[in-house]
Amino acid sequence: MEIPDKSTFEKISFKRKPNDFEQQKGMVMKKALARNFESVKNQIGFCGIWCGSCVVGNGTLRAITKKYKEIIEAYGLKEWAPKDLDYLEFIKGLISIQKIRLCSAA
């Protein structure tokens, strides 16, 4: 039996293509992240971190957490999550992260 070379495997794609809903969500997320980045791209916080790269300072953490919560709820994680996951505490944590204020340096 002949062993295929690496190029044979490179031609095979195991990734599924995103559906229309996933593509739309991805575009919305990219626009939100770009908007967050644009608002702080020329700033450096007094912590020394460039604000454009800081997910707290530019609002990206809040935006991602909000979308993550929406996706989890849309897919009904509460119904099929592992038994050791305290779903309500998990959601409270996501809500708490969304309430983090933007960095005052931003």
Foldseek 3Di string as FASTA:
>chain_A
DDDDDPVVVVVDDPDDDDDPVVVVVVVVLVVLLVVLLVVQVPFAFPVRHRLSPDCQQSVVQLVVLVVVLVVCVVVVCVVPPPPPDPVVVVVVVSVVSNPRHHDPRD
